[in-house]
N, C-alpha and C. Protein backbone atom coordinates (compact mmCIF):
# COMPACT_ATOMS: atom_id res chain seq x y z
N MET A 1 4.76 -11.97 41.29
CA MET A 1 5.28 -10.64 40.79
C MET A 1 5.24 -9.64 41.96
N ARG A 2 6.34 -8.83 42.21
CA ARG A 2 6.46 -7.93 43.30
C ARG A 2 5.59 -6.79 43.04
N SER A 3 5.14 -5.95 44.04
CA SER A 3 4.18 -4.92 43.90
C SER A 3 4.94 -3.82 42.96
N MET A 4 6.23 -3.64 43.09
CA MET A 4 6.91 -2.60 42.23
C MET A 4 6.87 -3.11 40.82
N ASP A 5 6.94 -4.30 40.61
CA ASP A 5 6.89 -4.89 39.19
C ASP A 5 5.51 -4.69 38.63
N LEU A 6 4.49 -4.86 39.52
CA LEU A 6 3.16 -4.65 39.02
C LEU A 6 2.93 -3.16 38.75
N VAL A 7 3.46 -2.26 39.39
CA VAL A 7 3.28 -0.80 39.14
C VAL A 7 3.97 -0.48 37.82
N ASP A 8 5.30 -1.05 37.67
CA ASP A 8 6.04 -0.81 36.32
C ASP A 8 5.24 -1.30 35.20
N TYR A 9 4.70 -2.56 35.31
CA TYR A 9 3.93 -3.25 34.25
C TYR A 9 2.73 -2.39 33.95
N SER A 10 1.92 -1.91 34.92
CA SER A 10 0.75 -1.12 34.73
C SER A 10 1.09 0.21 34.11
N LEU A 11 2.14 0.83 34.41
CA LEU A 11 2.49 2.08 33.83
C LEU A 11 2.89 1.78 32.30
N HIS A 12 3.65 0.75 32.11
CA HIS A 12 4.03 0.42 30.72
C HIS A 12 2.79 0.19 29.84
N MET A 13 1.92 -0.61 30.30
CA MET A 13 0.80 -0.92 29.49
C MET A 13 -0.14 0.34 29.21
N HIS A 14 -0.24 1.19 30.25
CA HIS A 14 -0.90 2.48 30.14
C HIS A 14 -0.26 3.28 29.08
N PHE A 15 0.93 3.36 29.11
CA PHE A 15 1.71 4.15 27.99
C PHE A 15 1.51 3.62 26.61
N VAL A 16 1.49 2.30 26.50
CA VAL A 16 1.31 1.77 25.19
C VAL A 16 -0.11 2.02 24.75
N ALA A 17 -1.04 1.87 25.58
CA ALA A 17 -2.40 2.07 25.27
C ALA A 17 -2.76 3.60 24.91
N TYR A 18 -2.12 4.45 25.65
CA TYR A 18 -2.16 5.88 25.42
C TYR A 18 -1.64 6.27 24.09
N SER A 19 -0.45 5.65 23.76
CA SER A 19 0.31 6.03 22.58
C SER A 19 -0.55 5.48 21.34
N TYR A 20 -1.14 4.41 21.61
CA TYR A 20 -1.93 3.74 20.46
C TYR A 20 -3.18 4.58 20.13
N ARG A 21 -3.79 5.16 21.23
CA ARG A 21 -5.02 5.96 21.15
C ARG A 21 -4.65 7.26 20.41
N GLU A 22 -3.52 7.85 20.84
CA GLU A 22 -3.03 9.09 20.21
C GLU A 22 -2.71 8.82 18.67
N TYR A 23 -2.14 7.69 18.40
CA TYR A 23 -1.83 7.37 17.03
C TYR A 23 -3.04 7.19 16.14
N ASN A 24 -4.09 6.58 16.78
CA ASN A 24 -5.35 6.53 15.96
C ASN A 24 -6.01 7.75 15.75
N LEU A 25 -5.87 8.65 16.77
CA LEU A 25 -6.50 10.00 16.58
C LEU A 25 -5.79 10.76 15.42
N LEU A 26 -4.50 10.57 15.21
CA LEU A 26 -3.68 11.22 14.24
C LEU A 26 -4.21 10.56 12.82
N CYS A 27 -4.37 9.29 12.86
CA CYS A 27 -4.77 8.61 11.57
C CYS A 27 -6.17 9.12 11.12
N ASN A 28 -7.00 9.17 12.09
CA ASN A 28 -8.30 9.70 11.76
C ASN A 28 -8.32 11.10 11.29
N LYS A 29 -7.41 11.95 11.84
CA LYS A 29 -7.41 13.36 11.45
C LYS A 29 -6.94 13.43 10.15
N VAL A 30 -5.96 12.67 9.74
CA VAL A 30 -5.44 12.75 8.27
C VAL A 30 -6.43 12.29 7.39
N GLN A 31 -7.19 11.23 7.80
CA GLN A 31 -8.10 10.65 6.85
C GLN A 31 -9.32 11.47 6.56
N GLU A 32 -9.58 12.56 7.38
CA GLU A 32 -10.67 13.45 7.03
C GLU A 32 -10.47 14.28 5.82
N GLY A 33 -9.14 14.38 5.39
CA GLY A 33 -8.90 15.17 4.20
C GLY A 33 -9.18 14.37 2.90
N LYS A 34 -8.61 14.88 1.86
CA LYS A 34 -8.71 14.32 0.50
C LYS A 34 -7.65 13.17 0.33
N VAL A 35 -8.02 11.96 0.68
CA VAL A 35 -7.08 10.92 0.52
C VAL A 35 -7.47 9.94 -0.54
N MET A 36 -6.52 9.23 -1.05
CA MET A 36 -6.74 8.23 -2.21
C MET A 36 -7.60 7.19 -1.76
N ALA A 37 -8.60 6.82 -2.57
CA ALA A 37 -9.52 5.87 -2.33
C ALA A 37 -9.30 4.84 -3.42
N LEU A 38 -9.84 3.61 -3.24
CA LEU A 38 -9.81 2.57 -4.37
C LEU A 38 -10.38 3.03 -5.60
N SER A 39 -11.48 3.89 -5.52
CA SER A 39 -12.04 4.41 -6.69
C SER A 39 -11.08 5.19 -7.64
N HIS A 40 -10.14 5.99 -6.92
CA HIS A 40 -9.13 6.82 -7.64
C HIS A 40 -8.18 5.78 -8.38
N ALA A 41 -7.79 4.84 -7.64
CA ALA A 41 -6.90 3.75 -8.20
C ALA A 41 -7.41 3.13 -9.40
N ILE A 42 -8.65 2.69 -9.43
CA ILE A 42 -9.33 2.04 -10.49
C ILE A 42 -9.48 3.06 -11.67
N LEU A 43 -9.85 4.21 -11.42
CA LEU A 43 -9.89 5.17 -12.48
C LEU A 43 -8.64 5.42 -13.18
N ALA A 44 -7.60 5.52 -12.36
CA ALA A 44 -6.26 5.72 -12.90
C ALA A 44 -5.80 4.45 -13.73
N THR A 45 -6.18 3.27 -13.27
CA THR A 45 -5.88 2.05 -14.06
C THR A 45 -6.58 2.07 -15.52
N LEU A 46 -7.85 2.68 -15.54
CA LEU A 46 -8.56 2.60 -16.67
C LEU A 46 -8.06 3.64 -17.64
N LEU A 47 -7.11 4.51 -17.31
CA LEU A 47 -6.54 5.51 -18.17
C LEU A 47 -5.91 4.71 -19.44
N SER A 48 -5.48 3.49 -19.17
CA SER A 48 -4.78 2.89 -20.27
C SER A 48 -5.66 2.28 -21.31
N GLY A 49 -7.05 2.47 -21.10
CA GLY A 49 -8.01 1.98 -22.08
C GLY A 49 -8.99 1.00 -21.57
N PRO A 50 -10.08 0.77 -22.32
CA PRO A 50 -11.12 -0.23 -21.90
C PRO A 50 -10.57 -1.70 -21.57
N ILE A 51 -11.19 -2.24 -20.56
CA ILE A 51 -10.53 -3.59 -20.26
C ILE A 51 -11.63 -4.43 -19.40
N SER A 52 -11.62 -5.68 -19.46
CA SER A 52 -12.50 -6.54 -18.66
C SER A 52 -12.22 -6.30 -17.12
N GLY A 53 -13.25 -6.70 -16.39
CA GLY A 53 -13.00 -6.64 -14.94
C GLY A 53 -11.91 -7.48 -14.53
N TYR A 54 -11.89 -8.73 -15.07
CA TYR A 54 -10.86 -9.71 -14.68
C TYR A 54 -9.43 -9.18 -15.07
N LYS A 55 -9.25 -8.64 -16.29
CA LYS A 55 -8.07 -8.16 -16.69
C LYS A 55 -7.67 -6.93 -15.96
N LEU A 56 -8.70 -6.16 -15.53
CA LEU A 56 -8.34 -4.97 -14.78
C LEU A 56 -7.69 -5.17 -13.48
N THR A 57 -8.21 -6.29 -12.85
CA THR A 57 -7.51 -6.69 -11.60
C THR A 57 -6.07 -7.07 -11.72
N LYS A 58 -5.74 -7.73 -12.88
CA LYS A 58 -4.39 -8.13 -13.24
C LYS A 58 -3.64 -6.89 -13.49
N ARG A 59 -4.18 -5.91 -14.33
CA ARG A 59 -3.49 -4.74 -14.61
C ARG A 59 -3.26 -3.87 -13.35
N PHE A 60 -4.32 -3.86 -12.48
CA PHE A 60 -4.18 -3.16 -11.28
C PHE A 60 -3.06 -3.66 -10.44
N ASN A 61 -2.93 -4.91 -10.25
CA ASN A 61 -1.87 -5.47 -9.39
C ASN A 61 -0.53 -5.25 -9.97
N ALA A 62 -0.49 -5.27 -11.25
CA ALA A 62 0.78 -5.09 -12.00
C ALA A 62 1.27 -3.63 -12.02
N ALA A 63 0.40 -2.74 -12.07
CA ALA A 63 0.78 -1.28 -12.24
C ALA A 63 0.67 -0.52 -10.86
N ILE A 64 -0.24 -0.95 -10.00
CA ILE A 64 -0.46 -0.15 -8.89
C ILE A 64 -0.18 -0.96 -7.51
N GLY A 65 -0.04 -2.18 -7.65
CA GLY A 65 0.00 -3.16 -6.51
C GLY A 65 1.18 -2.81 -5.68
N TYR A 66 2.25 -2.06 -6.08
CA TYR A 66 3.26 -1.72 -5.09
C TYR A 66 3.01 -0.51 -4.21
N PHE A 67 1.77 0.05 -4.34
CA PHE A 67 1.43 1.00 -3.37
C PHE A 67 0.04 1.07 -3.03
N TRP A 68 -0.81 0.14 -3.53
CA TRP A 68 -2.22 -0.04 -3.14
C TRP A 68 -2.62 -1.41 -3.44
N GLN A 69 -3.18 -1.99 -2.35
CA GLN A 69 -3.61 -3.49 -2.39
C GLN A 69 -5.12 -3.50 -2.40
N ALA A 70 -5.77 -4.37 -3.15
CA ALA A 70 -7.16 -4.65 -3.25
C ALA A 70 -7.45 -5.96 -3.65
N THR A 71 -8.43 -6.66 -3.17
CA THR A 71 -8.91 -7.92 -3.69
C THR A 71 -9.71 -7.78 -4.87
N HIS A 72 -9.94 -8.98 -5.60
CA HIS A 72 -10.76 -8.99 -6.78
C HIS A 72 -12.22 -8.52 -6.28
N GLN A 73 -12.69 -9.04 -5.16
CA GLN A 73 -14.05 -8.60 -4.74
C GLN A 73 -14.19 -7.17 -4.52
N GLN A 74 -13.14 -6.51 -3.99
CA GLN A 74 -13.22 -5.11 -3.66
C GLN A 74 -13.18 -4.32 -4.96
N ILE A 75 -12.43 -4.73 -5.95
CA ILE A 75 -12.30 -4.08 -7.24
C ILE A 75 -13.68 -4.13 -7.90
N TYR A 76 -14.29 -5.35 -7.92
CA TYR A 76 -15.57 -5.50 -8.59
C TYR A 76 -16.64 -4.75 -7.93
N ARG A 77 -16.70 -4.71 -6.67
CA ARG A 77 -17.68 -3.86 -5.96
C ARG A 77 -17.52 -2.35 -6.32
N GLU A 78 -16.25 -1.98 -6.34
CA GLU A 78 -16.00 -0.47 -6.71
C GLU A 78 -16.33 -0.16 -8.09
N LEU A 79 -16.20 -1.10 -8.99
CA LEU A 79 -16.44 -0.95 -10.40
C LEU A 79 -17.95 -0.74 -10.54
N THR A 80 -18.78 -1.57 -9.83
CA THR A 80 -20.20 -1.36 -9.83
C THR A 80 -20.62 0.07 -9.42
N SER A 81 -20.01 0.47 -8.26
CA SER A 81 -20.27 1.79 -7.73
C SER A 81 -19.93 2.89 -8.71
N LEU A 82 -18.80 2.68 -9.34
CA LEU A 82 -18.29 3.73 -10.26
C LEU A 82 -19.16 3.85 -11.46
N GLU A 83 -19.71 2.60 -11.95
CA GLU A 83 -20.65 2.61 -12.99
C GLU A 83 -21.84 3.37 -12.72
N GLU A 84 -22.39 3.14 -11.48
CA GLU A 84 -23.58 3.81 -11.02
C GLU A 84 -23.44 5.28 -10.90
N GLN A 85 -22.25 5.82 -10.59
CA GLN A 85 -21.99 7.22 -10.52
C GLN A 85 -21.71 7.79 -11.85
N GLY A 86 -21.63 6.99 -12.86
CA GLY A 86 -21.25 7.56 -14.20
C GLY A 86 -19.89 7.78 -14.55
N TYR A 87 -19.04 7.28 -13.72
CA TYR A 87 -17.60 7.46 -13.90
C TYR A 87 -16.97 6.45 -14.85
N VAL A 88 -17.68 5.19 -14.88
CA VAL A 88 -17.25 4.08 -15.61
C VAL A 88 -18.43 3.58 -16.47
N GLU A 89 -18.20 3.20 -17.73
CA GLU A 89 -19.27 2.52 -18.47
C GLU A 89 -18.87 1.31 -19.19
N ARG A 90 -19.83 0.43 -19.40
CA ARG A 90 -19.48 -0.79 -20.12
C ARG A 90 -19.48 -0.51 -21.68
N VAL A 91 -18.57 -1.09 -22.36
CA VAL A 91 -18.40 -0.88 -23.82
C VAL A 91 -18.37 -2.15 -24.52
N PRO A 92 -18.78 -2.24 -25.85
CA PRO A 92 -18.91 -3.47 -26.48
C PRO A 92 -17.44 -4.06 -26.65
N SER A 93 -17.44 -5.37 -26.64
CA SER A 93 -16.03 -6.17 -26.60
C SER A 93 -15.63 -6.10 -28.21
N SER A 94 -14.22 -6.08 -28.31
CA SER A 94 -13.63 -6.03 -29.62
C SER A 94 -13.41 -7.51 -30.16
N SER A 95 -13.85 -8.48 -29.34
CA SER A 95 -13.74 -9.82 -29.79
C SER A 95 -14.88 -10.58 -29.44
N PRO A 96 -15.05 -11.77 -29.89
CA PRO A 96 -16.29 -12.58 -29.69
C PRO A 96 -16.55 -12.91 -28.17
N SER A 97 -15.57 -12.60 -27.33
CA SER A 97 -15.74 -12.89 -25.95
C SER A 97 -16.92 -12.12 -25.38
N THR A 98 -17.56 -12.86 -24.34
CA THR A 98 -18.69 -12.21 -23.68
C THR A 98 -18.22 -11.40 -22.37
N GLU A 99 -17.06 -11.20 -22.23
CA GLU A 99 -16.55 -10.49 -21.02
C GLU A 99 -17.03 -9.01 -21.04
N LYS A 100 -17.40 -8.55 -19.91
CA LYS A 100 -17.84 -7.13 -19.76
C LYS A 100 -16.52 -6.37 -19.84
N ARG A 101 -16.53 -5.30 -20.61
CA ARG A 101 -15.39 -4.33 -20.67
C ARG A 101 -15.73 -3.00 -20.18
N TYR A 102 -14.92 -2.41 -19.40
CA TYR A 102 -15.20 -1.14 -18.70
C TYR A 102 -14.24 -0.02 -19.31
N ALA A 103 -14.79 1.14 -19.44
CA ALA A 103 -14.06 2.30 -19.92
C ALA A 103 -14.33 3.45 -19.08
N LEU A 104 -13.41 4.37 -19.11
CA LEU A 104 -13.47 5.56 -18.25
C LEU A 104 -14.29 6.69 -19.09
N THR A 105 -15.34 7.22 -18.38
CA THR A 105 -16.18 8.24 -19.02
C THR A 105 -15.53 9.53 -18.90
N SER A 106 -16.09 10.45 -19.60
CA SER A 106 -15.56 11.91 -19.44
C SER A 106 -15.81 12.33 -17.97
N GLU A 107 -17.00 11.99 -17.38
CA GLU A 107 -17.12 12.35 -16.00
C GLU A 107 -16.14 11.72 -15.05
N GLY A 108 -15.73 10.54 -15.39
CA GLY A 108 -14.82 9.76 -14.57
C GLY A 108 -13.38 10.52 -14.62
N ARG A 109 -13.01 10.86 -15.97
CA ARG A 109 -11.72 11.49 -16.19
C ARG A 109 -11.69 12.90 -15.49
N TYR A 110 -12.94 13.62 -15.50
CA TYR A 110 -12.97 14.98 -14.74
C TYR A 110 -12.80 14.73 -13.31
N ALA A 111 -13.45 13.66 -12.72
CA ALA A 111 -13.41 13.37 -11.28
C ALA A 111 -11.97 13.00 -10.95
N LEU A 112 -11.27 12.32 -11.77
CA LEU A 112 -9.91 11.87 -11.41
C LEU A 112 -8.96 13.21 -11.58
N THR A 113 -9.19 13.94 -12.51
CA THR A 113 -8.43 15.25 -12.63
C THR A 113 -8.61 16.16 -11.49
N GLU A 114 -9.82 16.22 -11.08
CA GLU A 114 -10.09 17.09 -9.87
C GLU A 114 -9.41 16.58 -8.62
N TRP A 115 -9.33 15.26 -8.49
CA TRP A 115 -8.65 14.66 -7.32
C TRP A 115 -7.22 14.96 -7.37
N ILE A 116 -6.60 14.70 -8.60
CA ILE A 116 -5.20 15.11 -8.80
C ILE A 116 -4.84 16.51 -8.35
N MET A 117 -5.83 17.44 -8.76
CA MET A 117 -5.55 18.84 -8.45
C MET A 117 -5.51 19.16 -7.03
N GLN A 118 -6.10 18.30 -6.17
CA GLN A 118 -6.18 18.65 -4.76
C GLN A 118 -4.79 18.39 -4.09
N PRO A 119 -4.47 19.20 -3.08
CA PRO A 119 -3.23 18.77 -2.34
C PRO A 119 -3.31 17.44 -1.68
N SER A 120 -2.20 16.76 -1.63
CA SER A 120 -2.30 15.47 -1.06
C SER A 120 -1.65 15.46 0.35
N GLU A 121 -2.18 14.61 1.23
CA GLU A 121 -1.79 14.46 2.64
C GLU A 121 -0.74 13.46 2.70
N PRO A 122 0.27 13.53 3.54
CA PRO A 122 1.29 12.49 3.69
C PRO A 122 0.61 11.20 4.33
N GLY A 123 1.01 10.03 3.91
CA GLY A 123 0.36 8.92 4.41
C GLY A 123 0.76 8.69 5.81
N VAL A 124 -0.16 8.10 6.59
CA VAL A 124 0.12 7.72 7.97
C VAL A 124 0.51 6.32 8.17
N LEU A 125 1.65 6.12 8.75
CA LEU A 125 2.19 4.72 8.83
C LEU A 125 1.33 3.93 9.88
N ARG A 126 0.72 2.84 9.49
CA ARG A 126 -0.01 1.93 10.36
C ARG A 126 0.76 0.47 10.16
N GLU A 127 1.60 0.34 11.06
CA GLU A 127 2.42 -0.90 11.01
C GLU A 127 2.33 -1.72 12.34
N ASP A 128 1.68 -2.78 12.33
CA ASP A 128 1.49 -3.51 13.60
C ASP A 128 2.79 -3.99 14.21
N LEU A 129 3.80 -4.28 13.26
CA LEU A 129 5.04 -4.71 13.72
C LEU A 129 5.76 -3.78 14.70
N LEU A 130 5.65 -2.49 14.33
CA LEU A 130 6.21 -1.43 15.19
C LEU A 130 5.59 -1.41 16.57
N LEU A 131 4.26 -1.61 16.60
CA LEU A 131 3.62 -1.59 17.94
C LEU A 131 4.04 -2.82 18.73
N LYS A 132 4.14 -4.09 18.05
CA LYS A 132 4.53 -5.20 18.67
C LYS A 132 5.92 -5.08 19.21
N VAL A 133 6.86 -4.42 18.55
CA VAL A 133 8.21 -4.20 18.97
C VAL A 133 8.25 -3.24 20.17
N ARG A 134 7.34 -2.24 20.06
CA ARG A 134 7.16 -1.22 21.10
C ARG A 134 6.74 -1.90 22.58
N ALA A 135 5.88 -2.92 22.41
CA ALA A 135 5.36 -3.62 23.59
C ALA A 135 6.12 -5.01 23.88
N GLY A 136 7.20 -5.13 23.05
CA GLY A 136 7.92 -6.48 23.09
C GLY A 136 8.48 -7.02 24.38
N SER A 137 8.43 -6.22 25.45
CA SER A 137 9.04 -6.62 26.60
C SER A 137 8.08 -7.76 27.29
N LEU A 138 6.94 -7.87 26.84
CA LEU A 138 5.99 -8.83 27.33
C LEU A 138 6.31 -10.30 26.82
N VAL A 139 7.11 -10.41 25.82
CA VAL A 139 7.42 -11.79 25.28
C VAL A 139 8.94 -12.06 25.23
N PRO A 140 9.45 -13.21 25.12
CA PRO A 140 10.82 -13.57 25.10
C PRO A 140 11.37 -12.92 23.80
N PRO A 141 12.67 -12.53 23.88
CA PRO A 141 13.37 -11.78 22.78
C PRO A 141 13.30 -12.64 21.41
N GLU A 142 13.24 -13.95 21.59
CA GLU A 142 13.24 -14.88 20.47
C GLU A 142 11.95 -14.71 19.63
N VAL A 143 10.95 -14.36 20.28
CA VAL A 143 9.62 -14.22 19.53
C VAL A 143 9.70 -13.07 18.58
N LEU A 144 10.23 -11.97 18.99
CA LEU A 144 10.31 -10.77 18.16
C LEU A 144 11.36 -10.99 17.13
N LEU A 145 12.48 -11.73 17.45
CA LEU A 145 13.62 -11.91 16.43
C LEU A 145 13.11 -12.82 15.29
N THR A 146 12.36 -13.78 15.68
CA THR A 146 11.72 -14.70 14.74
C THR A 146 10.78 -14.03 13.81
N GLU A 147 9.95 -13.12 14.29
CA GLU A 147 9.04 -12.38 13.49
C GLU A 147 9.79 -11.33 12.63
N LEU A 148 10.85 -10.68 13.15
CA LEU A 148 11.63 -9.81 12.37
C LEU A 148 12.36 -10.55 11.16
N HIS A 149 12.81 -11.70 11.35
CA HIS A 149 13.46 -12.53 10.41
C HIS A 149 12.39 -12.87 9.28
N ARG A 150 11.15 -13.28 9.66
CA ARG A 150 10.25 -13.61 8.81
C ARG A 150 9.71 -12.43 7.92
N ARG A 151 9.53 -11.23 8.62
CA ARG A 151 9.17 -10.07 7.86
C ARG A 151 10.25 -9.62 6.88
N ARG A 152 11.47 -9.81 7.26
CA ARG A 152 12.59 -9.44 6.36
C ARG A 152 12.59 -10.27 5.16
N ALA A 153 12.27 -11.53 5.27
CA ALA A 153 12.16 -12.35 4.12
C ALA A 153 10.98 -11.97 3.19
N LEU A 154 9.91 -11.67 3.87
CA LEU A 154 8.79 -11.16 2.98
C LEU A 154 9.08 -9.96 2.14
N HIS A 155 9.73 -8.87 2.93
CA HIS A 155 10.03 -7.67 2.20
C HIS A 155 11.11 -7.93 0.99
N ALA A 156 12.03 -8.85 1.33
CA ALA A 156 13.09 -9.08 0.45
C ALA A 156 12.49 -9.81 -0.88
N GLU A 157 11.54 -10.67 -0.65
CA GLU A 157 10.76 -11.29 -1.75
C GLU A 157 10.07 -10.20 -2.53
N ARG A 158 9.35 -9.29 -1.95
CA ARG A 158 8.63 -8.32 -2.75
C ARG A 158 9.62 -7.40 -3.45
N LEU A 159 10.82 -7.12 -2.81
CA LEU A 159 11.79 -6.22 -3.48
C LEU A 159 12.31 -6.94 -4.73
N ALA A 160 12.40 -8.19 -4.62
CA ALA A 160 12.92 -9.02 -5.77
C ALA A 160 11.92 -8.91 -6.98
N VAL A 161 10.62 -9.02 -6.64
CA VAL A 161 9.62 -8.82 -7.74
C VAL A 161 9.71 -7.38 -8.40
N TYR A 162 9.79 -6.42 -7.51
CA TYR A 162 9.88 -5.07 -8.06
C TYR A 162 11.13 -4.85 -8.88
N ARG A 163 12.30 -5.46 -8.54
CA ARG A 163 13.40 -5.38 -9.31
C ARG A 163 13.19 -6.00 -10.77
N GLU A 164 12.63 -7.11 -10.68
CA GLU A 164 12.32 -7.91 -11.99
C GLU A 164 11.43 -6.95 -12.76
N LEU A 165 10.42 -6.37 -12.26
CA LEU A 165 9.56 -5.43 -13.05
C LEU A 165 10.36 -4.24 -13.61
N GLN A 166 11.23 -3.70 -12.80
CA GLN A 166 12.02 -2.62 -13.31
C GLN A 166 12.98 -3.09 -14.48
N GLU A 167 13.60 -4.20 -14.40
CA GLU A 167 14.48 -4.73 -15.46
C GLU A 167 13.65 -5.06 -16.63
N ARG A 168 12.37 -5.63 -16.51
CA ARG A 168 11.64 -5.85 -17.61
C ARG A 168 11.00 -4.62 -18.32
N ASP A 169 10.56 -3.71 -17.62
CA ASP A 169 9.69 -2.71 -18.13
C ASP A 169 10.44 -1.30 -18.25
N PHE A 170 11.46 -1.05 -17.32
CA PHE A 170 12.19 0.13 -17.33
C PHE A 170 13.72 -0.07 -17.19
N PRO A 171 14.28 -0.74 -18.18
CA PRO A 171 15.73 -1.14 -18.09
C PRO A 171 16.60 0.10 -18.08
N ASP A 172 16.19 1.25 -18.68
CA ASP A 172 17.04 2.41 -18.80
C ASP A 172 16.16 3.64 -18.44
N PRO A 173 15.98 3.88 -17.16
CA PRO A 173 14.95 5.02 -16.69
C PRO A 173 15.37 6.35 -17.28
N GLN A 174 16.69 6.53 -17.54
CA GLN A 174 17.15 7.95 -17.95
C GLN A 174 16.62 8.20 -19.42
N ARG A 175 16.29 7.19 -20.08
CA ARG A 175 15.79 7.40 -21.58
C ARG A 175 14.32 7.45 -21.59
N LEU A 176 13.62 7.34 -20.61
CA LEU A 176 12.21 7.49 -20.49
C LEU A 176 11.62 8.82 -20.84
N THR A 177 10.52 8.83 -21.59
CA THR A 177 9.79 10.11 -21.87
C THR A 177 9.15 10.57 -20.60
N TYR A 178 8.53 11.82 -20.58
CA TYR A 178 7.90 12.34 -19.37
C TYR A 178 6.81 11.47 -18.94
N GLU A 179 5.84 10.94 -19.95
CA GLU A 179 4.84 10.13 -19.59
C GLU A 179 5.27 8.75 -19.07
N GLN A 180 6.36 8.25 -19.68
CA GLN A 180 6.82 6.94 -19.11
C GLN A 180 7.45 7.12 -17.73
N ARG A 181 8.00 8.26 -17.45
CA ARG A 181 8.55 8.52 -16.13
C ARG A 181 7.43 8.56 -15.00
N LEU A 182 6.19 9.02 -15.45
CA LEU A 182 5.12 9.00 -14.54
C LEU A 182 4.66 7.54 -14.24
N LEU A 183 4.95 6.72 -15.17
CA LEU A 183 4.55 5.35 -14.83
C LEU A 183 5.69 4.57 -14.04
N TYR A 184 6.88 5.07 -14.19
CA TYR A 184 8.05 4.40 -13.45
C TYR A 184 8.23 4.88 -12.00
N LEU A 185 7.78 6.24 -11.81
CA LEU A 185 8.03 6.72 -10.40
C LEU A 185 7.35 5.82 -9.26
N PRO A 186 6.02 5.46 -9.50
CA PRO A 186 5.36 4.62 -8.43
C PRO A 186 6.18 3.33 -8.14
N LEU A 187 6.71 2.72 -9.28
CA LEU A 187 7.55 1.47 -8.99
C LEU A 187 8.85 1.86 -8.27
N LEU A 188 9.44 2.95 -8.62
CA LEU A 188 10.58 3.49 -7.95
C LEU A 188 10.31 3.66 -6.44
N GLY A 189 9.12 4.26 -6.16
CA GLY A 189 8.72 4.33 -4.67
C GLY A 189 8.62 3.09 -4.05
N GLY A 190 8.06 2.14 -4.82
CA GLY A 190 7.92 0.65 -4.11
C GLY A 190 9.28 0.13 -3.87
N LEU A 191 10.21 0.26 -4.84
CA LEU A 191 11.61 -0.18 -4.65
C LEU A 191 12.27 0.35 -3.48
N MET A 192 12.23 1.66 -3.31
CA MET A 192 12.76 2.38 -2.16
C MET A 192 12.20 2.04 -0.93
N PHE A 193 10.80 1.92 -0.89
CA PHE A 193 10.10 1.47 0.25
C PHE A 193 10.48 0.07 0.79
N GLU A 194 10.53 -0.95 -0.17
CA GLU A 194 10.96 -2.22 0.36
C GLU A 194 12.44 -2.36 0.76
N THR A 195 13.27 -1.63 0.00
CA THR A 195 14.67 -1.57 0.22
C THR A 195 14.84 -1.00 1.86
N ASN A 196 14.16 0.01 2.15
CA ASN A 196 14.21 0.47 3.45
C ASN A 196 13.60 -0.43 4.49
N ASN A 197 12.52 -1.21 4.28
CA ASN A 197 12.02 -2.17 5.02
C ASN A 197 13.07 -3.33 5.29
N VAL A 198 13.70 -3.76 4.35
CA VAL A 198 14.68 -4.76 4.46
C VAL A 198 15.88 -4.22 5.36
N ALA A 199 16.28 -2.98 5.18
CA ALA A 199 17.38 -2.37 5.90
C ALA A 199 16.99 -2.25 7.38
N TRP A 200 15.73 -1.84 7.52
CA TRP A 200 15.25 -1.65 9.01
C TRP A 200 15.22 -3.04 9.70
N CYS A 201 14.78 -3.96 9.02
CA CYS A 201 14.66 -5.27 9.73
C CYS A 201 16.13 -5.74 10.13
N ASP A 202 17.07 -5.57 9.21
CA ASP A 202 18.47 -5.85 9.54
C ASP A 202 19.07 -5.12 10.60
N THR A 203 18.70 -3.82 10.66
CA THR A 203 19.15 -3.04 11.85
C THR A 203 18.45 -3.43 13.18
N ALA A 204 17.19 -3.68 13.06
CA ALA A 204 16.45 -3.99 14.33
C ALA A 204 16.94 -5.32 14.83
N ILE A 205 17.23 -6.39 13.89
CA ILE A 205 17.72 -7.63 14.34
C ILE A 205 19.05 -7.46 15.18
N ALA A 206 19.97 -6.70 14.46
CA ALA A 206 21.26 -6.61 15.08
C ALA A 206 21.24 -5.83 16.28
N PHE A 207 20.47 -4.78 16.31
CA PHE A 207 20.35 -3.93 17.55
C PHE A 207 19.89 -4.64 18.78
N LEU A 208 18.81 -5.42 18.45
CA LEU A 208 18.21 -6.25 19.63
C LEU A 208 19.27 -7.33 20.12
N GLN A 209 19.94 -7.92 19.17
CA GLN A 209 20.82 -8.94 19.52
C GLN A 209 21.96 -8.39 20.34
N GLU A 210 22.35 -7.22 20.08
CA GLU A 210 23.50 -6.59 20.85
C GLU A 210 23.01 -6.37 22.32
N GLY A 211 21.73 -6.11 22.52
CA GLY A 211 21.22 -5.91 23.91
C GLY A 211 20.86 -7.02 24.68
N MET A 212 20.92 -8.19 24.12
CA MET A 212 20.62 -9.42 24.74
C MET A 212 21.61 -9.96 25.81
């Protein structure tokens, strides 16, 4: 590698590292405010009524999974913490089943209400694919194009799932009540988000191929 190439390479990597540090500083600054935590997502899920931990994870993924991801282990750990804080309580089962059922307490409802009343901060985008594309000059073009095609397929798959949910649960959004619209809007956000992801992948693939 020529000395000038080494200089260009060093400057390039310095810029990438600097941009990444600045990006992380921005993320940390936003996260200092009142941001959504897993606890809020669980409390919101329990608004639908008492439910076992296992069924709660299924309800969580069905109702909130398009904008918040959590594993079974994370949900169970958070349930234990919420119970210790008095925001969640165990209630008797309505069936002979020995499953533990959890319900929202008045303290939990108050805590969730207080959080809703707080101003929300815009989410900060943390997408490693964008950083990989930014530093993509280090690898052959085929590497990034292959990854972009793979990611497009994943986003298209998730978009298809969201469309199925819309057709099943909200076939006619204009006829929804106010309360039903509150349930529909997060799904609509997921639909728009994945639609944009698919469109961006298509644009990125075509744009890079034109420059090859």
